[in-house]
C-alpha atoms as a PDB file:
ATOM      1  CA  MET A   1       0.087   0.198   0.159  1.00  0.00           C
ATOM      2  CA  ASN A   2       1.143   3.658  -0.827  1.00  0.00           C
ATOM      3  CA  PRO A   3       2.565   5.030   2.280  1.00  0.00           C
ATOM      4  CA  ALA A   4       0.997   8.131   1.883  1.00  0.00           C
ATOM      5  CA  ARG A   5      -2.269   6.530   1.981  1.00  0.00           C
ATOM      6  CA  CYS A   6      -1.659   4.864   5.044  1.00  0.00           C
ATOM      7  CA  ARG A   7      -0.434   8.054   6.740  1.00  0.00           C
ATOM      8  CA  GLN A   8      -3.710   9.692   5.588  1.00  0.00           C
ATOM      9  CA  ALA A   9      -5.837   6.724   6.782  1.00  0.00           C
ATOM     10  CA  VAL A  10      -4.045   6.723  10.230  1.00  0.00           C
ATOM     11  CA  VAL A  11      -4.907  10.671  10.378  1.00  0.00           C
ATOM     12  CA  ASP A  12      -8.701  10.215   9.244  1.00  0.00           C
ATOM     13  CA  ARG A  13      -9.074   7.237  11.876  1.00  0.00           C
ATOM     14  CA  ALA A  14      -7.966   9.455  14.742  1.00  0.00           C
ATOM     15  CA  GLY A  15      -9.855  12.222  13.703  1.00  0.00           C
ATOM     16  CA  LYS A  16     -13.066   9.677  13.584  1.00  0.00           C
ATOM     17  CA  LEU A  17     -11.981   8.840  17.264  1.00  0.00           C
ATOM     18  CA  ALA A  18     -11.590  12.328  18.078  1.00  0.00           C
ATOM     19  CA  ALA A  19     -15.144  13.178  16.641  1.00  0.00           C
ATOM     20  CA  THR A  20     -16.599   9.726  18.521  1.00  0.00           C
ATOM     21  CA  ALA A  21     -15.204  10.804  21.904  1.00  0.00           C
ATOM     22  CA  VAL A  22     -17.146  14.006  21.404  1.00  0.00           C
ATOM     23  CA  ILE A  23     -20.100  12.324  20.858  1.00  0.00           C
ATOM     24  CA  ILE A  24     -19.889   9.953  23.594  1.00  0.00           C
ATOM     25  CA  GLY A  25     -19.210  12.793  25.921  1.00  0.00           C
ATOM     26  CA  ALA A  26     -22.426  14.497  24.996  1.00  0.00           C
ATOM     27  CA  LEU A  27     -24.598  11.400  25.673  1.00  0.00           C
ATOM     28  CA  ALA A  28     -22.901  10.677  29.006  1.00  0.00           C
ATOM     29  CA  LEU A  29     -23.822  14.260  30.204  1.00  0.00           C
ATOM     30  CA  ASN A  30     -27.043  14.183  28.810  1.00  0.00           C
ATOM     31  CA  LEU A  31     -27.736  10.579  30.184  1.00  0.00           C
ATOM     32  CA  GLY A  32     -26.189  11.558  33.512  1.00  0.00           C
ATOM     33  CA  ILE A  33     -25.104   8.756  35.940  1.00  0.00           C
ATOM     34  CA  PRO A  34     -27.199   6.351  38.144  1.00  0.00           C
ATOM     35  CA  GLY A  35     -27.193   7.959  41.636  1.00  0.00           C
ATOM     36  CA  LYS A  36     -26.819   4.533  43.134  1.00  0.00           C
ATOM     37  CA  LEU A  37     -23.219   4.181  41.766  1.00  0.00           C
ATOM     38  CA  TYR A  38     -21.932   7.452  42.939  1.00  0.00           C
ATOM     39  CA  ALA A  39     -22.073   9.756  46.413  1.00  0.00           C
ATOM     40  CA  GLN A  40     -24.303  12.155  45.745  1.00  0.00           C
ATOM     41  CA  ASP A  41     -23.068  15.671  46.991  1.00  0.00           C
ATOM     42  CA  ALA A  42     -20.069  14.117  48.218  1.00  0.00           C
ATOM     43  CA  GLY A  43     -16.683  15.722  48.126  1.00  0.00           C
ATOM     44  CA  SER A  44     -13.660  14.212  45.925  1.00  0.00           C
ATOM     45  CA  ARG A  45     -10.288  13.942  46.968  1.00  0.00           C
ATOM     46  CA  ALA A  46      -7.868  16.245  44.833  1.00  0.00           C
ATOM     47  CA  SER A  47     -10.867  18.461  44.429  1.00  0.00           C
ATOM     48  CA  TYR A  48      -8.248  21.533  44.195  1.00  0.00           C
ATOM     49  CA  THR A  49      -7.183  20.423  40.742  1.00  0.00           C
ATOM     50  CA  ARG A  50     -10.668  21.678  39.271  1.00  0.00           C
ATOM     51  CA  GLY A  51     -10.278  25.215  40.754  1.00  0.00           C
ATOM     52  CA  GLY A  52      -9.801  26.752  37.286  1.00  0.00           C
ATOM     53  CA  TRP A  53      -7.900  29.781  38.317  1.00  0.00           C
ATOM     54  CA  VAL A  54      -6.033  29.861  35.546  1.00  0.00           C
ATOM     55  CA  GLY A  55      -5.503  32.703  32.785  1.00  0.00           C
ATOM     56  CA  ALA A  56      -7.353  35.887  32.779  1.00  0.00           C
ATOM     57  CA  LYS A  57      -8.871  34.881  29.454  1.00  0.00           C
ATOM     58  CA  TYR A  58     -10.584  31.893  30.573  1.00  0.00           C
ATOM     59  CA  VAL A  59     -11.461  33.102  34.191  1.00  0.00           C
ATOM     60  CA  GLY A  60     -12.801  36.339  32.544  1.00  0.00           C
ATOM     61  CA  MET A  61     -14.941  34.341  29.981  1.00  0.00           C
ATOM     62  CA  GLY A  62     -16.679  32.311  33.081  1.00  0.00           C
ATOM     63  CA  LYS A  63     -14.269  29.235  32.797  1.00  0.00           C
ATOM     64  CA  ALA A  64     -16.047  28.270  29.788  1.00  0.00           C
ATOM     65  CA  ALA A  65     -12.450  27.765  28.708  1.00  0.00           C
ATOM     66  CA  GLU A  66     -12.303  23.985  27.123  1.00  0.00           C
ATOM     67  CA  VAL A  67     -13.263  24.766  23.785  1.00  0.00           C
ATOM     68  CA  VAL A  68     -11.469  28.007  23.004  1.00  0.00           C
ATOM     69  CA  ALA A  69      -7.866  27.005  25.146  1.00  0.00           C
ATOM     70  CA  ASP A  70      -5.207  28.192  22.387  1.00  0.00           C
ATOM     71  CA  ASP A  71      -2.211  29.167  24.235  1.00  0.00           C
ATOM     72  CA  VAL A  72       0.195  27.544  26.937  1.00  0.00           C
ATOM     73  CA  PHE A  73      -2.846  27.514  29.493  1.00  0.00           C
ATOM     74  CA  ALA A  74      -4.124  24.928  27.581  1.00  0.00           C
ATOM     75  CA  ILE A  75      -1.842  22.618  29.904  1.00  0.00           C
ATOM     76  CA  TYR A  76      -4.488  23.313  32.414  1.00  0.00           C
ATOM     77  CA  TRP A  77      -7.891  23.575  30.498  1.00  0.00           C
ATOM     78  CA  ASN A  78      -7.697  21.366  27.810  1.00  0.00           C
ATOM     79  CA  PRO A  79      -4.296  19.554  26.077  1.00  0.00           C
ATOM     80  CA  ALA A  80      -6.115  19.435  22.789  1.00  0.00           C
ATOM     81  CA  GLY A  81      -6.018  23.228  22.366  1.00  0.00           C
ATOM     82  CA  LEU A  82      -2.051  23.079  22.628  1.00  0.00           C
ATOM     83  CA  PRO A  83      -1.948  22.486  18.620  1.00  0.00           C
ATOM     84  CA  GLU A  84      -3.433  25.890  18.495  1.00  0.00           C
ATOM     85  CA  LEU A  85       0.243  27.701  19.401  1.00  0.00           C
ATOM     86  CA  LYS A  86       1.576  26.448  15.641  1.00  0.00           C
ATOM     87  CA  ASN A  87      -0.700  29.242  14.310  1.00  0.00           C
ATOM     88  CA  LEU A  88       1.327  31.753  16.167  1.00  0.00           C
ATOM     89  CA  GLU A  89       4.363  30.762  13.830  1.00  0.00           C
ATOM     90  CA  ARG A  90       5.222  32.770  10.663  1.00  0.00           C
ATOM     91  CA  LEU A  91       4.251  30.843   7.617  1.00  0.00           C
ATOM     92  CA  THR A  92       7.071  29.488   5.244  1.00  0.00           C
ATOM     93  CA  PRO A  93       7.363  30.125   1.805  1.00  0.00           C
ATOM     94  CA  ASP A  94       5.780  26.862   0.935  1.00  0.00           C
ATOM     95  CA  GLU A  95       2.725  27.547   3.076  1.00  0.00           C
ATOM     96  CA  ILE A  96       2.499  30.937   1.584  1.00  0.00           C
ATOM     97  CA  ARG A  97       2.375  29.339  -2.176  1.00  0.00           C
ATOM     98  CA  GLU A  98      -0.236  26.900  -0.950  1.00  0.00           C
ATOM     99  CA  LYS A  99      -2.494  29.416   0.551  1.00  0.00           C
ATOM    100  CA  VAL A 100      -2.192  31.515  -2.688  1.00  0.00           C
ATOM    101  CA  LYS A 101      -3.139  28.689  -4.810  1.00  0.00           C
ATOM    102  CA  LYS A 102      -6.118  27.994  -2.725  1.00  0.00           C
ATOM    103  CA  GLY A 103      -6.883  31.901  -2.726  1.00  0.00           C
ATOM    104  CA  ASP A 104      -6.785  31.903   0.943  1.00  0.00           C
ATOM    105  CA  VAL A 105      -4.721  35.124   1.456  1.00  0.00           C
ATOM    106  CA  LYS A 106      -6.276  36.254   4.802  1.00  0.00           C
ATOM    107  CA  GLY A 107      -4.135  34.198   7.314  1.00  0.00           C
ATOM    108  CA  ILE A 108      -0.785  35.744   5.043  1.00  0.00           C
ATOM    109  CA  SER A 109       0.531  38.814   7.212  1.00  0.00           C
ATOM    110  CA  GLU A 110       2.802  41.388   5.853  1.00  0.00           C
ATOM    111  CA  GLU A 111       5.908  40.071   7.754  1.00  0.00           C
ATOM    112  CA  ASP A 112       5.198  36.686   6.068  1.00  0.00           C
ATOM    113  CA  LEU A 113       5.594  38.432   2.805  1.00  0.00           C
ATOM    114  CA  LEU A 114       8.634  40.381   3.532  1.00  0.00           C
ATOM    115  CA  LYS A 115      10.077  36.871   4.436  1.00  0.00           C
ATOM    116  CA  PHE A 116       8.763  35.195   1.308  1.00  0.00           C
ATOM    117  CA  SER A 117      11.848  34.913  -0.497  1.00  0.00           C
ATOM    118  CA  GLU A 118      13.814  33.588   2.244  1.00  0.00           C
ATOM    119  CA  ASP A 119      13.882  29.568   1.549  1.00  0.00           C
ATOM    120  CA  THR A 120      13.810  28.437   5.390  1.00  0.00           C
ATOM    121  CA  LYS A 121      11.580  26.275   7.333  1.00  0.00           C
ATOM    122  CA  ALA A 122       9.260  27.338  10.204  1.00  0.00           C
ATOM    123  CA  LYS A 123      11.620  27.828  13.462  1.00  0.00           C
ATOM    124  CA  ASN A 124      10.940  25.962  16.846  1.00  0.00           C
ATOM    125  CA  PHE A 125       8.751  28.109  19.053  1.00  0.00           C
ATOM    126  CA  PHE A 126       8.358  28.264  22.918  1.00  0.00           C
ATOM    127  CA  HIS A 127       5.413  29.887  24.594  1.00  0.00           C
ATOM    128  CA  ILE A 128       5.767  30.807  28.171  1.00  0.00           C
ATOM    129  CA  GLY A 129       2.981  31.541  30.788  1.00  0.00           C
ATOM    130  CA  VAL A 130       2.698  32.587  34.209  1.00  0.00           C
ATOM    131  CA  SER A 131      -0.835  33.214  35.828  1.00  0.00           C
ATOM    132  CA  GLY A 132      -1.337  34.380  39.507  1.00  0.00           C
ATOM    133  CA  GLY A 133      -4.541  34.789  41.515  1.00  0.00           C
ATOM    134  CA  MET A 134      -5.664  36.491  44.773  1.00  0.00           C
ATOM    135  CA  LEU A 135      -8.701  34.974  45.825  1.00  0.00           C
ATOM    136  CA  ASP A 136     -11.583  35.276  48.859  1.00  0.00           C
ATOM    137  CA  ILE A 137     -10.901  33.824  52.037  1.00  0.00           C
ATOM    138  CA  GLU A 138      -7.172  34.412  51.902  1.00  0.00           C
ATOM    139  CA  ARG A 139      -6.114  31.914  49.041  1.00  0.00           C
ATOM    140  CA  GLU A 140      -3.527  32.632  46.439  1.00  0.00           C
ATOM    141  CA  THR A 141      -3.030  30.324  43.263  1.00  0.00           C
ATOM    142  CA  GLY A 142      -0.394  30.140  40.244  1.00  0.00           C
ATOM    143  CA  PHE A 143       0.512  28.732  37.393  1.00  0.00           C
ATOM    144  CA  ALA A 144       3.851  28.497  35.487  1.00  0.00           C
ATOM    145  CA  GLY A 145       3.976  26.838  32.312  1.00  0.00           C
ATOM    146  CA  VAL A 146       5.894  26.272  29.000  1.00  0.00           C
ATOM    147  CA  ALA A 147       4.696  24.850  25.456  1.00  0.00           C
ATOM    148  CA  PHE A 148       6.979  24.173  22.360  1.00  0.00           C
ATOM    149  CA  ASN A 149       6.772  22.053  19.268  1.00  0.00           C
ATOM    150  CA  LEU A 150       7.819  18.501  19.452  1.00  0.00           C
ATOM    151  CA  PHE A 151       7.221  16.108  16.483  1.00  0.00           C
ATOM    152  CA  SER A 152       4.288  16.615  14.668  1.00  0.00           C
ATOM    153  CA  GLY A 153       2.478  18.274  17.825  1.00  0.00           C
ATOM    154  CA  VAL A 154       3.081  20.439  20.563  1.00  0.00           C
ATOM    155  CA  ALA A 155       4.121  19.530  24.140  1.00  0.00           C
ATOM    156  CA  GLY A 156       3.873  21.525  27.207  1.00  0.00           C
ATOM    157  CA  ALA A 157       4.908  21.382  31.150  1.00  0.00           C
ATOM    158  CA  GLY A 158       3.140  23.384  33.748  1.00  0.00           C
ATOM    159  CA  VAL A 159       2.683  23.463  37.714  1.00  0.00           C
ATOM    160  CA  TYR A 160      -0.446  24.718  39.234  1.00  0.00           C
ATOM    161  CA  SER A 161      -0.619  25.879  42.752  1.00  0.00           C
ATOM    162  CA  ILE A 162      -3.107  26.864  45.374  1.00  0.00           C
ATOM    163  CA  GLN A 163      -2.553  27.719  49.274  1.00  0.00           C
ATOM    164  CA  SER A 164      -4.032  28.905  52.341  1.00  0.00           C
ATOM    165  CA  ARG A 165      -2.662  30.075  55.531  1.00  0.00           C
ATOM    166  CA  ASP A 166      -3.946  30.124  59.037  1.00  0.00           C
ATOM    167  CA  ILE A 167      -7.059  27.775  58.707  1.00  0.00           C
ATOM    168  CA  THR A 168      -8.947  27.217  61.729  1.00  0.00           C
ATOM    169  CA  ALA A 169      -8.350  23.583  62.890  1.00  0.00           C
ATOM    170  CA  THR A 170     -10.593  21.403  64.917  1.00  0.00           C
ATOM    171  CA  ASP A 171     -11.089  18.147  66.438  1.00  0.00           C
ATOM    172  CA  GLU A 172     -13.583  15.095  66.019  1.00  0.00           C
ATOM    173  CA  SER A 173     -15.868  17.131  68.587  1.00  0.00           C
ATOM    174  CA  GLY A 174     -15.601  20.524  66.601  1.00  0.00           C
ATOM    175  CA  SER A 175     -13.312  22.124  69.372  1.00  0.00           C
ATOM    176  CA  ILE A 176     -10.823  24.514  67.953  1.00  0.00           C
ATOM    177  CA  THR A 177      -7.068  23.230  68.404  1.00  0.00           C
ATOM    178  CA  GLY A 178      -5.255  25.740  66.747  1.00  0.00           C
ATOM    179  CA  SER A 179      -4.792  27.170  63.209  1.00  0.00           C
ATOM    180  CA  LEU A 180      -2.846  24.997  60.224  1.00  0.00           C
ATOM    181  CA  ASP A 181      -1.246  25.969  56.544  1.00  0.00           C
ATOM    182  CA  TYR A 182      -2.695  24.470  53.374  1.00  0.00           C
ATOM    183  CA  THR A 183      -0.782  24.016  50.253  1.00  0.00           C
ATOM    184  CA  ALA A 184      -1.597  21.670  47.263  1.00  0.00           C
ATOM    185  CA  SER A 185       0.135  21.721  43.560  1.00  0.00           C
ATOM    186  CA  VAL A 186      -0.193  19.503  40.233  1.00  0.00           C
ATOM    187  CA  GLY A 187       2.493  19.101  37.616  1.00  0.00           C
ATOM    188  CA  PHE A 188       1.627  18.414  34.268  1.00  0.00           C
ATOM    189  CA  LEU A 189       3.464  16.743  31.073  1.00  0.00           C
ATOM    190  CA  SER A 190       1.179  17.515  28.259  1.00  0.00           C
ATOM    191  CA  TYR A 191       1.125  16.409  24.436  1.00  0.00           C
ATOM    192  CA  GLY A 192      -1.573  17.506  21.842  1.00  0.00           C
ATOM    193  CA  TRP A 193      -1.563  17.007  18.165  1.00  0.00           C
ATOM    194  CA  SER A 194      -4.019  17.555  15.270  1.00  0.00           C
ATOM    195  CA  THR A 195      -5.620  15.033  13.315  1.00  0.00           C
ATOM    196  CA  GLY A 196      -7.612  16.385  10.181  1.00  0.00           C
ATOM    197  CA  ALA A 197     -10.499  18.535  11.569  1.00  0.00           C
ATOM    198  CA  ALA A 198      -9.938  17.250  15.193  1.00  0.00           C
ATOM    199  CA  GLN A 199      -7.318  17.946  17.712  1.00  0.00           C
ATOM    200  CA  VAL A 200      -6.386  16.047  20.587  1.00  0.00           C
ATOM    201  CA  GLY A 201      -4.511  16.147  23.805  1.00  0.00           C
ATOM    202  CA  PHE A 202      -3.679  14.532  27.134  1.00  0.00           C
ATOM    203  CA  SER A 203      -1.979  14.997  30.086  1.00  0.00           C
ATOM    204  CA  VAL A 204      -0.004  13.125  33.001  1.00  0.00           C
ATOM    205  CA  LYS A 205      -0.538  14.748  36.403  1.00  0.00           C
ATOM    206  CA  GLY A 206       1.456  14.508  39.451  1.00  0.00           C
ATOM    207  CA  LEU A 207       0.023  15.577  42.370  1.00  0.00           C
ATOM    208  CA  GLN A 208       1.031  16.871  45.955  1.00  0.00           C
ATOM    209  CA  GLU A 209      -1.067  17.900  49.134  1.00  0.00           C
ATOM    210  CA  THR A 210       0.139  19.251  52.407  1.00  0.00           C
ATOM    211  CA  ILE A 211      -2.587  19.889  55.284  1.00  0.00           C
ATOM    212  CA  GLY A 212      -0.973  20.763  58.401  1.00  0.00           C
ATOM    213  CA  LYS A 213       1.921  18.590  59.209  1.00  0.00           C
ATOM    214  CA  ARG A 214       0.775  15.775  56.948  1.00  0.00           C
ATOM    215  CA  THR A 215       1.610  15.356  53.176  1.00  0.00           C
ATOM    216  CA  TYR A 216      -0.229  13.139  50.410  1.00  0.00           C
ATOM    217  CA  TYR A 217       1.435  12.330  47.037  1.00  0.00           C
ATOM    218  CA  GLY A 218      -0.547  11.240  43.845  1.00  0.00           C
ATOM    219  CA  GLY A 219      -1.111  11.091  39.823  1.00  0.00           C
ATOM    220  CA  GLY A 220      -3.880  10.989  37.169  1.00  0.00           C
ATOM    221  CA  VAL A 221      -4.450  11.693  34.002  1.00  0.00           C
ATOM    222  CA  ASP A 222      -6.623  14.424  31.522  1.00  0.00           C
ATOM    223  CA  PHE A 223      -7.643  13.777  27.940  1.00  0.00           C
ATOM    224  CA  GLY A 224      -9.139  16.245  25.563  1.00  0.00           C
ATOM    225  CA  THR A 225     -10.471  16.616  22.346  1.00  0.00           C
ATOM    226  CA  ILE A 226     -11.483  19.760  20.062  1.00  0.00           C
ATOM    227  CA  VAL A 227     -13.494  19.174  16.797  1.00  0.00           C
ATOM    228  CA  ASP A 228     -14.130  21.833  14.104  1.00  0.00           C
ATOM    229  CA  VAL A 229     -17.799  20.903  12.871  1.00  0.00           C
ATOM    230  CA  LEU A 230     -18.147  24.013  10.928  1.00  0.00           C
ATOM    231  CA  PRO A 231     -16.023  27.150  10.087  1.00  0.00           C
ATOM    232  CA  PHE A 232     -18.099  29.149  12.953  1.00  0.00           C
ATOM    233  CA  LEU A 233     -18.532  25.850  15.340  1.00  0.00           C
ATOM    234  CA  LYS A 234     -16.419  24.021  17.603  1.00  0.00           C
ATOM    235  CA  LEU A 235     -17.186  21.155  20.126  1.00  0.00           C
ATOM    236  CA  ALA A 236     -14.886  20.052  22.534  1.00  0.00           C
ATOM    237  CA  PHE A 237     -14.954  17.229  25.346  1.00  0.00           C
ATOM    238  CA  VAL A 238     -12.599  16.853  28.144  1.00  0.00           C
ATOM    239  CA  LEU A 239     -12.438  13.971  30.571  1.00  0.00           C
ATOM    240  CA  GLN A 240     -10.506  15.297  33.722  1.00  0.00           C
ATOM    241  CA  ASP A 241      -8.819  13.329  36.800  1.00  0.00           C
ATOM    242  CA  ILE A 242      -8.867  10.089  35.397  1.00  0.00           C
ATOM    243  CA  GLY A 243      -7.512   7.581  37.703  1.00  0.00           C
ATOM    244  CA  THR A 244      -6.955  10.375  39.993  1.00  0.00           C
ATOM    245  CA  GLY A 245      -6.154   9.785  43.622  1.00  0.00           C
ATOM    246  CA  LEU A 246      -3.577  10.626  46.676  1.00  0.00           C
ATOM    247  CA  TYR A 247      -2.203   8.019  48.596  1.00  0.00           C
ATOM    248  CA  THR A 248      -3.284   8.560  52.193  1.00  0.00           C
ATOM    249  CA  ASP A 249      -1.631   7.815  55.568  1.00  0.00           C
ATOM    250  CA  ARG A 250      -4.276   7.692  57.691  1.00  0.00           C
ATOM    251  CA  HIS A 251      -2.739   6.042  60.605  1.00  0.00           C
ATOM    252  CA  THR A 252      -6.207   4.157  61.304  1.00  0.00           C
ATOM    253  CA  ALA A 253      -6.825   1.598  64.263  1.00  0.00           C
ATOM    254  CA  THR A 254      -5.436  -1.157  61.800  1.00  0.00           C
ATOM    255  CA  GLY A 255      -2.434   0.526  60.657  1.00  0.00           C
ATOM    256  CA  THR A 256      -3.294   0.446  57.239  1.00  0.00           C
ATOM    257  CA  ASP A 257      -2.527   3.068  54.425  1.00  0.00           C
ATOM    258  CA  LYS A 258      -4.762   3.930  51.771  1.00  0.00           C
ATOM    259  CA  PHE A 259      -4.949   5.311  48.125  1.00  0.00           C
ATOM    260  CA  ASP A 260      -7.912   7.621  47.842  1.00  0.00           C
ATOM    261  CA  PHE A 261      -9.474   7.855  44.470  1.00  0.00           C
ATOM    262  CA  ALA A 262     -10.951  11.117  43.251  1.00  0.00           C
ATOM    263  CA  TYR A 263     -14.102  11.294  41.007  1.00  0.00           C
ATOM    264  CA  PRO A 264     -13.503  12.278  37.474  1.00  0.00           C
ATOM    265  CA  SER A 265     -15.032  15.380  36.001  1.00  0.00           C
ATOM    266  CA  MET A 266     -16.535  15.456  32.200  1.00  0.00           C
ATOM    267  CA  LYS A 267     -16.824  18.800  30.423  1.00  0.00           C
ATOM    268  CA  LEU A 268     -18.820  19.183  27.172  1.00  0.00           C
ATOM    269  CA  SER A 269     -18.037  22.602  25.532  1.00  0.00           C
ATOM    270  CA  ALA A 270     -19.291  24.478  22.367  1.00  0.00           C
ATOM    271  CA  SER A 271     -18.144  27.861  20.738  1.00  0.00           C
ATOM    272  CA  LEU A 272     -19.536  30.298  18.212  1.00  0.00           C
ATOM    273  CA  ALA A 273     -17.468  32.621  16.006  1.00  0.00           C
ATOM    274  CA  SER A 274     -19.491  35.412  14.261  1.00  0.00           C
ATOM    275  CA  SER A 275     -16.561  36.858  12.944  1.00  0.00           C
ATOM    276  CA  GLN A 276     -12.791  37.098  14.161  1.00  0.00           C
ATOM    277  CA  GLU A 277     -13.816  39.726  16.580  1.00  0.00           C
ATOM    278  CA  PHE A 278     -16.447  37.624  18.493  1.00  0.00           C
ATOM    279  CA  ILE A 279     -16.432  34.460  20.109  1.00  0.00           C
ATOM    280  CA  PHE A 280     -19.247  33.282  22.476  1.00  0.00           C
ATOM    281  CA  ALA A 281     -18.388  29.858  24.400  1.00  0.00           C
ATOM    282  CA  VAL A 282     -20.405  27.379  26.950  1.00  0.00           C
ATOM    283  CA  THR A 283     -19.537  24.837  28.953  1.00  0.00           C
ATOM    284  CA  LEU A 284     -21.320  22.111  30.570  1.00  0.00           C
ATOM    285  CA  VAL A 285     -19.552  20.190  33.631  1.00  0.00           C
ATOM    286  CA  LYS A 286     -20.534  16.900  35.511  1.00  0.00           C
ATOM    287  CA  LYS A 287     -18.558  16.203  38.759  1.00  0.00           C
ATOM    288  CA  LEU A 288     -19.231  12.503  38.809  1.00  0.00           C
ATOM    289  CA  GLU A 289     -19.793  12.615  42.951  1.00  0.00           C
ATOM    290  CA  GLN A 290     -22.574  15.158  42.372  1.00  0.00           C
ATOM    291  CA  LYS A 291     -26.085  14.830  40.992  1.00  0.00           C
ATOM    292  CA  ASP A 292     -26.214  18.246  39.772  1.00  0.00           C
ATOM    293  CA  TYR A 293     -24.668  20.085  36.572  1.00  0.00           C
ATOM    294  CA  GLN A 294     -22.559  23.169  36.214  1.00  0.00           C
ATOM    295  CA  ALA A 295     -22.782  25.454  33.456  1.00  0.00           C
ATOM    296  CA  ASN A 296     -20.443  27.967  32.453  1.00  0.00           C
ATOM    297  CA  ALA A 297     -20.983  30.515  29.719  1.00  0.00           C
ATOM    298  CA  GLY A 298     -18.563  33.653  28.373  1.00  0.00           C
ATOM    299  CA  LEU A 299     -17.759  36.037  25.804  1.00  0.00           C
ATOM    300  CA  ARG A 300     -14.687  37.044  23.676  1.00  0.00           C
ATOM    301  CA  TYR A 301     -14.885  40.920  21.961  1.00  0.00           C
ATOM    302  CA  SER A 302     -11.923  42.072  20.212  1.00  0.00           C
ATOM    303  CA  LEU A 303     -12.172  45.251  20.115  1.00  0.00           C
ATOM    304  CA  THR A 304      -8.943  45.961  17.970  1.00  0.00           C
ATOM    305  CA  LYS A 305      -6.208  43.202  17.042  1.00  0.00           C
ATOM    306  CA  ARG A 306      -4.268  43.823  20.365  1.00  0.00           C
ATOM    307  CA  PHE A 307      -7.170  44.357  22.781  1.00  0.00           C
ATOM    308  CA  ASP A 308      -9.717  41.874  23.934  1.00  0.00           C
ATOM    309  CA  LEU A 309     -12.925  42.169  26.261  1.00  0.00           C
ATOM    310  CA  TYR A 310     -14.260  39.066  28.057  1.00  0.00           C
ATOM    311  CA  LEU A 311     -17.411  38.599  30.108  1.00  0.00           C
ATOM    312  CA  GLY A 312     -18.591  35.503  31.515  1.00  0.00           C
ATOM    313  CA  MET A 313     -20.792  33.563  34.209  1.00  0.00           C
ATOM    314  CA  SER A 314     -19.339  30.242  35.968  1.00  0.00           C
ATOM    315  CA  ASP A 315     -22.528  28.576  37.456  1.00  0.00           C
ATOM    316  CA  THR A 316     -24.060  31.860  38.937  1.00  0.00           C
ATOM    317  CA  SER A 317     -21.107  33.935  39.489  1.00  0.00           C
ATOM    318  CA  LEU A 318     -19.941  36.635  37.321  1.00  0.00           C
ATOM    319  CA  SER A 319     -16.738  37.492  35.600  1.00  0.00           C
ATOM    320  CA  SER A 320     -15.056  39.913  33.750  1.00  0.00           C
ATOM    321  CA  GLY A 321     -11.360  40.688  32.175  1.00  0.00           C
ATOM    322  CA  PHE A 322      -9.325  42.179  29.380  1.00  0.00           C
ATOM    323  CA  SER A 323      -6.416  41.186  27.650  1.00  0.00           C
ATOM    324  CA  LEU A 324      -3.642  43.633  25.940  1.00  0.00           C
ATOM    325  CA  LYS A 325      -1.211  42.509  23.085  1.00  0.00           C
ATOM    326  CA  LEU A 326       2.344  44.280  23.435  1.00  0.00           C
ATOM    327  CA  LEU A 327       5.161  43.014  21.189  1.00  0.00           C
ATOM    328  CA  ASN A 328       5.596  39.303  21.686  1.00  0.00           C
ATOM    329  CA  MET A 329       3.585  39.513  25.257  1.00  0.00           C
ATOM    330  CA  ASN A 330      -0.148  39.125  26.038  1.00  0.00           C
ATOM    331  CA  VAL A 331      -1.054  40.656  29.507  1.00  0.00           C
ATOM    332  CA  GLY A 332      -4.538  39.922  31.106  1.00  0.00           C
ATOM    333  CA  TYR A 333      -6.552  40.616  34.066  1.00  0.00           C
ATOM    334  CA  ALA A 334      -9.712  38.951  35.195  1.00  0.00           C
ATOM    335  CA  PHE A 335     -12.383  39.677  38.210  1.00  0.00           C
ATOM    336  CA  ALA A 336     -14.568  36.978  39.252  1.00  0.00           C
ATOM    337  CA  ILE A 337     -17.305  37.002  42.019  1.00  0.00           C
ATOM    338  CA  ASP A 338     -16.294  33.738  44.480  1.00  0.00           C
ATOM    339  CA  ASN A 339     -18.855  30.916  44.249  1.00  0.00           C
ATOM    340  CA  VAL A 340     -18.277  30.173  48.012  1.00  0.00           C
ATOM    341  CA  ASN A 341     -19.301  33.282  49.746  1.00  0.00           C
ATOM    342  CA  LEU A 342     -19.506  36.239  46.853  1.00  0.00           C
ATOM    343  CA  GLY A 343     -16.516  37.687  47.957  1.00  0.00           C
ATOM    344  CA  TYR A 344     -13.914  39.018  45.219  1.00  0.00           C
ATOM    345  CA  ASN A 345     -11.330  37.070  43.054  1.00  0.00           C
ATOM    346  CA  ASN A 346      -8.385  38.616  41.098  1.00  0.00           C
ATOM    347  CA  ILE A 347      -6.336  37.192  38.113  1.00  0.00           C
ATOM    348  CA  VAL A 348      -3.581  38.547  36.484  1.00  0.00           C
ATOM    349  CA  SER A 349      -1.618  36.461  33.567  1.00  0.00           C
ATOM    350  CA  LEU A 350       1.217  37.013  30.791  1.00  0.00           C
ATOM    351  CA  THR A 351       2.232  34.938  27.940  1.00  0.00           C
ATOM    352  CA  MET A 352       5.437  35.467  25.776  1.00  0.00           C
ATOM    353  CA  VAL A 353       6.110  33.905  22.535  1.00  0.00           C
ATOM    354  CA  PHE A 354       9.639  33.014  21.559  1.00  0.00           C
END
């Protein structure tokens, strides 16, 4: 068989699998999970991985992020968004010729045309991002990550952390025994690639959590896909915390230790783009330990090529923000009302591409 046809067959099959994953995710979210199989409204171990306080753009859009993730913060939100970073590269002469042949000159910049005569391949790129949050109830969050092209896709690595100090500690009877600090972090190794009209990605995670003087360790996996259904419509499906859990040294009466598994989350997301300036996104979230769903929605409006405005709602809490492009940097800020006690959360982020 012709090798080119073999490669195309593999790409087509992977694209079909990605589309199938979105369909299965939609069915799972619509059908729900039988209540007798999972604890209703119970907490989940390692739930700090779900906070979502990463990137001003995504917080400002009400955390309806899975389908619009297109930068280094996709490591956290949906690793299938990492291949979008390849669009930040300049077009090669061969790519320019191909676009001209097809009559597609919209994506050719002036800088591309100036370098058209240079017979060079696209250079490697690095996309670096940091994000920090000051949350209500004296909590702080942070994320730092880097993404770069690797083989036919994009790889990424990042760390997300959250901490809270001077938490009131109580014993089993409810009596106050003092105060303690809480810190938790998760490290990501991610990879995403394109397969026709679909993008697929996964992240392998390492977890660490410290409550007072006790520390726990664990790991897990995230999987995501994004499918271009129509030129103006995208769908995404993310399965978060697959097999995630923490090794817990409980020192029970029997002296046994235990590995506590976390409940996965399923996220189905869709976006509509009426133009390059306006994007509307929605996300339906199902946390398997809870009987209720969570709905997020957000808007992005590009006021100019360098200035974007965001407005969103996460469950019932409003958020807003903006981002500004300066040279090879993108600086953003988001404000969000906290779901816990209606306090205020502030997020700042910075990305740079090299």
